Amino acid sequence: MRALVIGSPGVAEVAEVPMPSPGPGEVLIRVAACGICGTDVHIFRGEYMGEYPLVPGHEFSGEVVAVGEGVSRFRVGDRVAVEPNIACGNCEACLN
């Protein structure tokens, strides 16, 4: 699949990347629309957290194309909008 990849601060290109497979409890979404926000710009500039290379764009919508084991809330074909700001309370970002 093609994706915008930020290879290092200030360096980005559209590149072919491997198609991911959903793991247990995950879904794979074919992105239909994606916003690039201020956070993405800061990451591109190297001003904000990020492990390079990375694919920006955490505000998006699309269609579920595959579901992982144990997923019962979503089905292939469902149209979804992603809310990236739900805190887990356990990861490094949530704890800091």
PDB file of N, CA and C in Angstrom:
ATOM      1  N   MET A   1       0.848  -1.171   0.000  1.00  0.00           N
ATOM      2  CA  MET A   1       0.000   0.000   0.000  1.00  0.00           C
ATOM      3  C   MET A   1       0.892   1.233   0.000  1.00  0.00           C
ATOM      4  N   ARG A   2       0.352   2.351  -0.468  1.00  0.00           N
ATOM      5  CA  ARG A   2       1.116   3.597  -0.475  1.00  0.00           C
ATOM      6  C   ARG A   2       0.775   4.409   0.769  1.00  0.00           C
ATOM      7  N   ALA A   3       1.797   5.062   1.320  1.00  0.00           N
ATOM      8  CA  ALA A   3       1.601   5.900   2.504  1.00  0.00           C
ATOM      9  C   ALA A   3       2.639   7.011   2.503  1.00  0.00           C
ATOM     10  N   LEU A   4       2.298   8.121   3.116  1.00  0.00           N
ATOM     11  CA  LEU A   4       3.277   9.173   3.356  1.00  0.00           C
ATOM     12  C   LEU A   4       4.131   8.712   4.527  1.00  0.00           C
ATOM     13  N   VAL A   5       5.432   8.665   4.337  1.00  0.00           N
ATOM     14  CA  VAL A   5       6.348   8.203   5.376  1.00  0.00           C
ATOM     15  C   VAL A   5       7.306   9.335   5.718  1.00  0.00           C
ATOM     16  N   ILE A   6       7.347   9.704   7.002  1.00  0.00           N
ATOM     17  CA  ILE A   6       8.340  10.661   7.482  1.00  0.00           C
ATOM     18  C   ILE A   6       9.541   9.831   7.910  1.00  0.00           C
ATOM     19  N   GLY A   7      10.633   9.943   7.149  1.00  0.00           N
ATOM     20  CA  GLY A   7      11.819   9.138   7.412  1.00  0.00           C
ATOM     21  C   GLY A   7      12.694   9.704   8.506  1.00  0.00           C
ATOM     22  N   SER A   8      12.704  11.017   8.613  1.00  0.00           N
ATOM     23  CA  SER A   8      13.463  11.740   9.633  1.00  0.00           C
ATOM     24  C   SER A   8      12.911  13.156   9.645  1.00  0.00           C
ATOM     25  N   PRO A   9      13.235  13.961  10.655  1.00  0.00           N
ATOM     26  CA  PRO A   9      12.698  15.320  10.690  1.00  0.00           C
ATOM     27  C   PRO A   9      12.958  16.066   9.377  1.00  0.00           C
ATOM     28  N   GLY A  10      11.878  16.586   8.792  1.00  0.00           N
ATOM     29  CA  GLY A  10      11.973  17.362   7.569  1.00  0.00           C
ATOM     30  C   GLY A  10      12.048  16.557   6.289  1.00  0.00           C
ATOM     31  N   VAL A  11      11.991  15.227   6.375  1.00  0.00           N
ATOM     32  CA  VAL A  11      12.113  14.379   5.185  1.00  0.00           C
ATOM     33  C   VAL A  11      10.899  13.452   5.105  1.00  0.00           C
ATOM     34  N   ALA A  12      10.101  13.614   4.030  1.00  0.00           N
ATOM     35  CA  ALA A  12       8.923  12.769   3.850  1.00  0.00           C
ATOM     36  C   ALA A  12       8.790  12.392   2.385  1.00  0.00           C
ATOM     37  N   GLU A  13       8.215  11.214   2.138  1.00  0.00           N
ATOM     38  CA  GLU A  13       7.968  10.770   0.770  1.00  0.00           C
ATOM     39  C   GLU A  13       6.795   9.803   0.764  1.00  0.00           C
ATOM     40  N   VAL A  14       6.120   9.727  -0.372  1.00  0.00           N
ATOM     41  CA  VAL A  14       5.099   8.705  -0.559  1.00  0.00           C
ATOM     42  C   VAL A  14       5.843   7.435  -0.949  1.00  0.00           C
ATOM     43  N   ALA A  15       5.595   6.357  -0.202  1.00  0.00           N
ATOM     44  CA  ALA A  15       6.336   5.115  -0.410  1.00  0.00           C
ATOM     45  C   ALA A  15       5.408   3.912  -0.296  1.00  0.00           C
ATOM     46  N   GLU A  16       5.838   2.802  -0.861  1.00  0.00           N
ATOM     47  CA  GLU A  16       5.142   1.530  -0.686  1.00  0.00           C
ATOM     48  C   GLU A  16       5.542   0.962   0.672  1.00  0.00           C
ATOM     49  N   VAL A  17       4.554   0.604   1.475  1.00  0.00           N
ATOM     50  CA  VAL A  17       4.808   0.012   2.787  1.00  0.00           C
ATOM     51  C   VAL A  17       4.010  -1.289   2.876  1.00  0.00           C
ATOM     52  N   PRO A  18       4.444  -2.226   3.715  1.00  0.00           N
ATOM     53  CA  PRO A  18       3.718  -3.496   3.831  1.00  0.00           C
ATOM     54  C   PRO A  18       2.296  -3.290   4.355  1.00  0.00           C
ATOM     55  N   MET A  19       1.366  -4.055   3.822  1.00  0.00           N
ATOM     56  CA  MET A  19      -0.011  -4.032   4.306  1.00  0.00           C
ATOM     57  C   MET A  19      -0.039  -4.736   5.657  1.00  0.00           C
ATOM     58  N   PRO A  20      -0.503  -4.058   6.710  1.00  0.00           N
ATOM     59  CA  PRO A  20      -0.546  -4.713   8.021  1.00  0.00           C
ATOM     60  C   PRO A  20      -1.690  -5.726   8.097  1.00  0.00           C
ATOM     61  N   SER A  21      -1.563  -6.649   9.013  1.00  0.00           N
ATOM     62  CA  SER A  21      -2.628  -7.604   9.321  1.00  0.00           C
ATOM     63  C   SER A  21      -3.108  -7.303  10.730  1.00  0.00           C
ATOM     64  N   PRO A  22      -4.419  -7.298  10.959  1.00  0.00           N
ATOM     65  CA  PRO A  22      -4.900  -7.003  12.303  1.00  0.00           C
ATOM     66  C   PRO A  22      -4.586  -8.134  13.274  1.00  0.00           C
ATOM     67  N   GLY A  23      -4.105  -7.771  14.441  1.00  0.00           N
ATOM     68  CA  GLY A  23      -3.861  -8.735  15.500  1.00  0.00           C
ATOM     69  C   GLY A  23      -5.117  -8.933  16.325  1.00  0.00           C
ATOM     70  N   PRO A  24      -5.049  -9.721  17.383  1.00  0.00           N
ATOM     71  CA  PRO A  24      -6.208  -9.933  18.249  1.00  0.00           C
ATOM     72  C   PRO A  24      -6.737  -8.601  18.783  1.00  0.00           C
ATOM     73  N   GLY A  25      -8.040  -8.403  18.667  1.00  0.00           N
ATOM     74  CA  GLY A  25      -8.672  -7.191  19.166  1.00  0.00           C
ATOM     75  C   GLY A  25      -8.480  -5.973  18.287  1.00  0.00           C
ATOM     76  N   GLU A  26      -7.915  -6.142  17.093  1.00  0.00           N
ATOM     77  CA  GLU A  26      -7.650  -5.017  16.191  1.00  0.00           C
ATOM     78  C   GLU A  26      -8.466  -5.147  14.910  1.00  0.00           C
ATOM     79  N   VAL A  27      -8.622  -4.009  14.214  1.00  0.00           N
ATOM     80  CA  VAL A  27      -9.242  -4.007  12.895  1.00  0.00           C
ATOM     81  C   VAL A  27      -8.301  -3.319  11.915  1.00  0.00           C
ATOM     82  N   LEU A  28      -8.417  -3.666  10.648  1.00  0.00           N
ATOM     83  CA  LEU A  28      -7.671  -3.005   9.583  1.00  0.00           C
ATOM     84  C   LEU A  28      -8.651  -2.120   8.836  1.00  0.00           C
ATOM     85  N   ILE A  29      -8.281  -0.845   8.674  1.00  0.00           N
ATOM     86  CA  ILE A  29      -9.158   0.139   8.046  1.00  0.00           C
ATOM     87  C   ILE A  29      -8.515   0.647   6.759  1.00  0.00           C
ATOM     88  N   ARG A  30      -9.276   0.621   5.666  1.00  0.00           N
ATOM     89  CA  ARG A  30      -8.848   1.268   4.424  1.00  0.00           C
ATOM     90  C   ARG A  30      -9.218   2.742   4.571  1.00  0.00           C
ATOM     91  N   VAL A  31      -8.229   3.598   4.616  1.00  0.00           N
ATOM     92  CA  VAL A  31      -8.450   5.020   4.869  1.00  0.00           C
ATOM     93  C   VAL A  31      -9.102   5.673   3.657  1.00  0.00           C
ATOM     94  N   ALA A  32     -10.201   6.395   3.908  1.00  0.00           N
ATOM     95  CA  ALA A  32     -10.896   7.138   2.863  1.00  0.00           C
ATOM     96  C   ALA A  32     -10.556   8.619   2.927  1.00  0.00           C
ATOM     97  N   ALA A  33     -10.359   9.132   4.140  1.00  0.00           N
ATOM     98  CA  ALA A  33     -10.018  10.544   4.331  1.00  0.00           C
ATOM     99  C   ALA A  33      -9.145  10.669   5.568  1.00  0.00           C
ATOM    100  N   CYS A  34      -8.161  11.561   5.483  1.00  0.00           N
ATOM    101  CA  CYS A  34      -7.226  11.727   6.594  1.00  0.00           C
ATOM    102  C   CYS A  34      -6.861  13.194   6.727  1.00  0.00           C
ATOM    103  N   GLY A  35      -6.877  13.692   7.955  1.00  0.00           N
ATOM    104  CA  GLY A  35      -6.443  15.057   8.212  1.00  0.00           C
ATOM    105  C   GLY A  35      -4.998  15.074   8.685  1.00  0.00           C
ATOM    106  N   ILE A  36      -4.272  16.091   8.283  1.00  0.00           N
ATOM    107  CA  ILE A  36      -2.927  16.318   8.798  1.00  0.00           C
ATOM    108  C   ILE A  36      -3.047  17.532   9.712  1.00  0.00           C
ATOM    109  N   CYS A  37      -2.807  17.338  10.999  1.00  0.00           N
ATOM    110  CA  CYS A  37      -3.020  18.400  11.978  1.00  0.00           C
ATOM    111  C   CYS A  37      -1.692  18.972  12.457  1.00  0.00           C
ATOM    112  N   GLY A  38      -1.779  19.886  13.397  1.00  0.00           N
ATOM    113  CA  GLY A  38      -0.590  20.522  13.949  1.00  0.00           C
ATOM    114  C   GLY A  38       0.385  19.539  14.562  1.00  0.00           C
ATOM    115  N   THR A  39      -0.115  18.497  15.210  1.00  0.00           N
ATOM    116  CA  THR A  39       0.771  17.485  15.792  1.00  0.00           C
ATOM    117  C   THR A  39       1.633  16.848  14.711  1.00  0.00           C
ATOM    118  N   ASP A  40       1.016  16.516  13.574  1.00  0.00           N
ATOM    119  CA  ASP A  40       1.764  15.911  12.474  1.00  0.00           C
ATOM    120  C   ASP A  40       2.838  16.859  11.946  1.00  0.00           C
ATOM    121  N   VAL A  41       2.520  18.143  11.864  1.00  0.00           N
ATOM    122  CA  VAL A  41       3.499  19.135  11.403  1.00  0.00           C
ATOM    123  C   VAL A  41       4.669  19.208  12.379  1.00  0.00           C
ATOM    124  N   HIS A  42       4.380  19.214  13.679  1.00  0.00           N
ATOM    125  CA  HIS A  42       5.457  19.243  14.684  1.00  0.00           C
ATOM    126  C   HIS A  42       6.327  17.987  14.598  1.00  0.00           C
ATOM    127  N   ILE A  43       5.703  16.830  14.392  1.00  0.00           N
ATOM    128  CA  ILE A  43       6.469  15.592  14.243  1.00  0.00           C
ATOM    129  C   ILE A  43       7.347  15.673  12.998  1.00  0.00           C
ATOM    130  N   PHE A  44       6.792  16.176  11.886  1.00  0.00           N
ATOM    131  CA  PHE A  44       7.563  16.330  10.653  1.00  0.00           C
ATOM    132  C   PHE A  44       8.780  17.226  10.877  1.00  0.00           C
ATOM    133  N   ARG A  45       8.594  18.277  11.642  1.00  0.00           N
ATOM    134  CA  ARG A  45       9.693  19.216  11.903  1.00  0.00           C
ATOM    135  C   ARG A  45      10.676  18.710  12.955  1.00  0.00           C
ATOM    136  N   GLY A  46      10.336  17.613  13.634  1.00  0.00           N
ATOM    137  CA  GLY A  46      11.208  17.092  14.685  1.00  0.00           C
ATOM    138  C   GLY A  46      11.022  17.793  16.011  1.00  0.00           C
ATOM    139  N   GLU A  47       9.900  18.492  16.171  1.00  0.00           N
ATOM    140  CA  GLU A  47       9.638  19.279  17.375  1.00  0.00           C
ATOM    141  C   GLU A  47       8.791  18.531  18.406  1.00  0.00           C
ATOM    142  N   TYR A  48       8.352  17.341  18.075  1.00  0.00           N
ATOM    143  CA  TYR A  48       7.449  16.604  18.951  1.00  0.00           C
ATOM    144  C   TYR A  48       7.807  15.131  18.886  1.00  0.00           C
ATOM    145  N   MET A  49       7.347  14.365  19.864  1.00  0.00           N
ATOM    146  CA  MET A  49       7.712  12.947  19.947  1.00  0.00           C
ATOM    147  C   MET A  49       7.396  12.210  18.653  1.00  0.00           C
ATOM    148  N   GLY A  50       8.204  11.245  18.383  1.00  0.00           N
ATOM    149  CA  GLY A  50       7.997  10.413  17.215  1.00  0.00           C
ATOM    150  C   GLY A  50       9.210   9.545  16.981  1.00  0.00           C
ATOM    151  N   GLU A  51       8.985   8.275  16.688  1.00  0.00           N
ATOM    152  CA  GLU A  51      10.073   7.370  16.320  1.00  0.00           C
ATOM    153  C   GLU A  51      10.025   7.211  14.810  1.00  0.00           C
ATOM    154  N   TYR A  52      11.079   7.635  14.164  1.00  0.00           N
ATOM    155  CA  TYR A  52      11.141   7.595  12.703  1.00  0.00           C
ATOM    156  C   TYR A  52      11.681   6.255  12.226  1.00  0.00           C
ATOM    157  N   PRO A  53      11.247   5.773  11.077  1.00  0.00           N
ATOM    158  CA  PRO A  53      10.234   6.353  10.196  1.00  0.00           C
ATOM    159  C   PRO A  53       8.825   6.136  10.758  1.00  0.00           C
ATOM    160  N   LEU A  54       7.904   7.020  10.364  1.00  0.00           N
ATOM    161  CA  LEU A  54       6.519   6.885  10.808  1.00  0.00           C
ATOM    162  C   LEU A  54       5.568   7.395   9.745  1.00  0.00           C
ATOM    163  N   VAL A  55       4.330   6.945   9.828  1.00  0.00           N
ATOM    164  CA  VAL A  55       3.263   7.380   8.931  1.00  0.00           C
ATOM    165  C   VAL A  55       2.368   8.316   9.730  1.00  0.00           C
ATOM    166  N   PRO A  56       2.279   9.601   9.339  1.00  0.00           N
ATOM    167  CA  PRO A  56       1.450  10.549  10.081  1.00  0.00           C
ATOM    168  C   PRO A  56      -0.032  10.371   9.746  1.00  0.00           C
ATOM    169  N   GLY A  57      -0.864  11.124  10.461  1.00  0.00           N
ATOM    170  CA  GLY A  57      -2.287  11.124  10.157  1.00  0.00           C
ATOM    171  C   GLY A  57      -3.095  10.284  11.114  1.00  0.00           C
ATOM    172  N   HIS A  58      -3.331  10.800  12.313  1.00  0.00           N
ATOM    173  CA  HIS A  58      -4.068  10.037  13.321  1.00  0.00           C
ATOM    174  C   HIS A  58      -5.537  10.438  13.395  1.00  0.00           C
ATOM    175  N   GLU A  59      -5.980  11.302  12.487  1.00  0.00           N
ATOM    176  CA  GLU A  59      -7.387  11.707  12.424  1.00  0.00           C
ATOM    177  C   GLU A  59      -7.912  11.265  11.062  1.00  0.00           C
ATOM    178  N   PHE A  60      -8.670  10.162  11.041  1.00  0.00           N
ATOM    179  CA  PHE A  60      -9.070   9.616   9.748  1.00  0.00           C
ATOM    180  C   PHE A  60     -10.379   8.846   9.828  1.00  0.00           C
ATOM    181  N   SER A  61     -10.910   8.555   8.656  1.00  0.00           N
ATOM    182  CA  SER A  61     -12.105   7.719   8.542  1.00  0.00           C
ATOM    183  C   SER A  61     -11.887   6.742   7.394  1.00  0.00           C
ATOM    184  N   GLY A  62     -12.685   5.700   7.377  1.00  0.00           N
ATOM    185  CA  GLY A  62     -12.538   4.720   6.314  1.00  0.00           C
ATOM    186  C   GLY A  62     -13.465   3.544   6.500  1.00  0.00           C
ATOM    187  N   GLU A  63     -13.077   2.424   5.912  1.00  0.00           N
ATOM    188  CA  GLU A  63     -13.894   1.212   5.923  1.00  0.00           C
ATOM    189  C   GLU A  63     -13.096   0.049   6.500  1.00  0.00           C
ATOM    190  N   VAL A  64     -13.731  -0.706   7.378  1.00  0.00           N
ATOM    191  CA  VAL A  64     -13.097  -1.895   7.949  1.00  0.00           C
ATOM    192  C   VAL A  64     -12.953  -2.936   6.837  1.00  0.00           C
ATOM    193  N   VAL A  65     -11.708  -3.416   6.626  1.00  0.00           N
ATOM    194  CA  VAL A  65     -11.464  -4.414   5.578  1.00  0.00           C
ATOM    195  C   VAL A  65     -11.029  -5.762   6.146  1.00  0.00           C
ATOM    196  N   ALA A  66     -10.688  -5.806   7.431  1.00  0.00           N
ATOM    197  CA  ALA A  66     -10.333  -7.072   8.085  1.00  0.00           C
ATOM    198  C   ALA A  66     -10.470  -6.892   9.590  1.00  0.00           C
ATOM    199  N   VAL A  67     -10.815  -7.970  10.275  1.00  0.00           N
ATOM    200  CA  VAL A  67     -10.929  -7.924  11.738  1.00  0.00           C
ATOM    201  C   VAL A  67     -10.067  -9.019  12.343  1.00  0.00           C
ATOM    202  N   GLY A  68      -9.456  -8.705  13.461  1.00  0.00           N
ATOM    203  CA  GLY A  68      -8.631  -9.678  14.164  1.00  0.00           C
ATOM    204  C   GLY A  68      -9.466 -10.568  15.069  1.00  0.00           C
ATOM    205  N   GLU A  69      -8.821 -11.568  15.599  1.00  0.00           N
ATOM    206  CA  GLU A  69      -9.460 -12.518  16.504  1.00  0.00           C
ATOM    207  C   GLU A  69     -10.078 -11.789  17.693  1.00  0.00           C
ATOM    208  N   GLY A  70     -11.278 -12.174  18.056  1.00  0.00           N
ATOM    209  CA  GLY A  70     -11.942 -11.622  19.225  1.00  0.00           C
ATOM    210  C   GLY A  70     -12.700 -10.333  18.976  1.00  0.00           C
ATOM    211  N   VAL A  71     -12.663  -9.806  17.767  1.00  0.00           N
ATOM    212  CA  VAL A  71     -13.393  -8.570  17.458  1.00  0.00           C
ATOM    213  C   VAL A  71     -14.841  -8.926  17.157  1.00  0.00           C
ATOM    214  N   SER A  72     -15.767  -8.334  17.917  1.00  0.00           N
ATOM    215  CA  SER A  72     -17.183  -8.607  17.676  1.00  0.00           C
ATOM    216  C   SER A  72     -17.977  -7.331  17.413  1.00  0.00           C
ATOM    217  N   ARG A  73     -17.401  -6.183  17.740  1.00  0.00           N
ATOM    218  CA  ARG A  73     -18.125  -4.919  17.598  1.00  0.00           C
ATOM    219  C   ARG A  73     -18.115  -4.397  16.156  1.00  0.00           C
ATOM    220  N   PHE A  74     -17.100  -4.783  15.370  1.00  0.00           N
ATOM    221  CA  PHE A  74     -16.975  -4.297  13.999  1.00  0.00           C
ATOM    222  C   PHE A  74     -16.987  -5.463  13.026  1.00  0.00           C
ATOM    223  N   ARG A  75     -17.508  -5.184  11.809  1.00  0.00           N
ATOM    224  CA  ARG A  75     -17.536  -6.183  10.747  1.00  0.00           C
ATOM    225  C   ARG A  75     -16.896  -5.592   9.497  1.00  0.00           C
ATOM    226  N   VAL A  76     -16.380  -6.456   8.639  1.00  0.00           N
ATOM    227  CA  VAL A  76     -15.867  -6.006   7.349  1.00  0.00           C
ATOM    228  C   VAL A  76     -16.979  -5.240   6.635  1.00  0.00           C
ATOM    229  N   GLY A  77     -16.641  -4.081   6.102  1.00  0.00           N
ATOM    230  CA  GLY A  77     -17.615  -3.235   5.415  1.00  0.00           C
ATOM    231  C   GLY A  77     -18.124  -2.083   6.259  1.00  0.00           C
ATOM    232  N   ASP A  78     -17.941  -2.147   7.581  1.00  0.00           N
ATOM    233  CA  ASP A  78     -18.366  -1.037   8.438  1.00  0.00           C
ATOM    234  C   ASP A  78     -17.573   0.218   8.095  1.00  0.00           C
ATOM    235  N   ARG A  79     -18.260   1.355   8.044  1.00  0.00           N
ATOM    236  CA  ARG A  79     -17.583   2.637   7.871  1.00  0.00           C
ATOM    237  C   ARG A  79     -17.346   3.216   9.261  1.00  0.00           C
ATOM    238  N   VAL A  80     -16.132   3.720   9.482  1.00  0.00           N
ATOM    239  CA  VAL A  80     -15.752   4.167  10.819  1.00  0.00           C
ATOM    240  C   VAL A  80     -15.015   5.498  10.770  1.00  0.00           C
ATOM    241  N   ALA A  81     -15.089   6.227  11.876  1.00  0.00           N
ATOM    242  CA  ALA A  81     -14.271   7.416  12.112  1.00  0.00           C
ATOM    243  C   ALA A  81     -13.450   7.116  13.357  1.00  0.00           C
ATOM    244  N   VAL A  82     -12.182   7.445  13.328  1.00  0.00           N
ATOM    245  CA  VAL A  82     -11.270   7.089  14.412  1.00  0.00           C
ATOM    246  C   VAL A  82     -11.154   8.228  15.409  1.00  0.00           C
ATOM    247  N   GLU A  83     -11.260   7.916  16.688  1.00  0.00           N
ATOM    248  CA  GLU A  83     -11.030   8.864  17.790  1.00  0.00           C
ATOM    249  C   GLU A  83      -9.693   8.496  18.411  1.00  0.00           C
ATOM    250  N   PRO A  84      -8.632   9.231  18.066  1.00  0.00           N
ATOM    251  CA  PRO A  84      -7.297   8.844  18.527  1.00  0.00           C
ATOM    252  C   PRO A  84      -6.961   9.299  19.938  1.00  0.00           C
ATOM    253  N   ASN A  85      -7.846  10.003  20.588  1.00  0.00           N
ATOM    254  CA  ASN A  85      -7.512  10.600  21.881  1.00  0.00           C
ATOM    255  C   ASN A  85      -8.119   9.877  23.070  1.00  0.00           C
ATOM    256  N   ILE A  86      -8.422   8.614  22.922  1.00  0.00           N
ATOM    257  CA  ILE A  86      -8.925   7.827  24.038  1.00  0.00           C
ATOM    258  C   ILE A  86      -7.720   7.309  24.811  1.00  0.00           C
ATOM    259  N   ALA A  87      -7.604   7.717  26.055  1.00  0.00           N
ATOM    260  CA  ALA A  87      -6.439   7.362  26.871  1.00  0.00           C
ATOM    261  C   ALA A  87      -6.593   5.965  27.468  1.00  0.00           C
ATOM    262  N   CYS A  88      -5.495   5.196  27.403  1.00  0.00           N
ATOM    263  CA  CYS A  88      -5.511   3.862  28.015  1.00  0.00           C
ATOM    264  C   CYS A  88      -5.146   3.937  29.496  1.00  0.00           C
ATOM    265  N   GLY A  89      -4.405   4.980  29.873  1.00  0.00           N
ATOM    266  CA  GLY A  89      -4.001   5.148  31.262  1.00  0.00           C
ATOM    267  C   GLY A  89      -2.795   4.327  31.667  1.00  0.00           C
ATOM    268  N   ASN A  90      -2.228   3.557  30.733  1.00  0.00           N
ATOM    269  CA  ASN A  90      -1.115   2.671  31.068  1.00  0.00           C
ATOM    270  C   ASN A  90       0.170   2.930  30.295  1.00  0.00           C
ATOM    271  N   CYS A  91       0.065   3.442  29.073  1.00  0.00           N
ATOM    272  CA  CYS A  91       1.256   3.597  28.236  1.00  0.00           C
ATOM    273  C   CYS A  91       2.087   4.807  28.680  1.00  0.00           C
ATOM    274  N   GLU A  92       3.279   4.916  28.109  1.00  0.00           N
ATOM    275  CA  GLU A  92       4.195   6.003  28.471  1.00  0.00           C
ATOM    276  C   GLU A  92       3.576   7.378  28.230  1.00  0.00           C
ATOM    277  N   ALA A  93       2.891   7.547  27.088  1.00  0.00           N
ATOM    278  CA  ALA A  93       2.279   8.839  26.786  1.00  0.00           C
ATOM    279  C   ALA A  93       1.206   9.203  27.814  1.00  0.00           C
ATOM    280  N   CYS A  94       0.387   8.241  28.223  1.00  0.00           N
ATOM    281  CA  CYS A  94      -0.659   8.511  29.213  1.00  0.00           C
ATOM    282  C   CYS A  94      -0.071   8.809  30.592  1.00  0.00           C
ATOM    283  N   LEU A  95       1.013   8.143  30.918  1.00  0.00           N
ATOM    284  CA  LEU A  95       1.604   8.311  32.248  1.00  0.00           C
ATOM    285  C   LEU A  95       2.454   9.567  32.367  1.00  0.00           C
ATOM    286  N   ASN A  96       2.746  10.202  31.251  1.00  0.00           N
ATOM    287  CA  ASN A  96       3.546  11.432  31.278  1.00  0.00           C
ATOM    288  C   ASN A  96       2.755  12.579  30.746  1.00  0.00           C
TER     289      ASN A  96
END
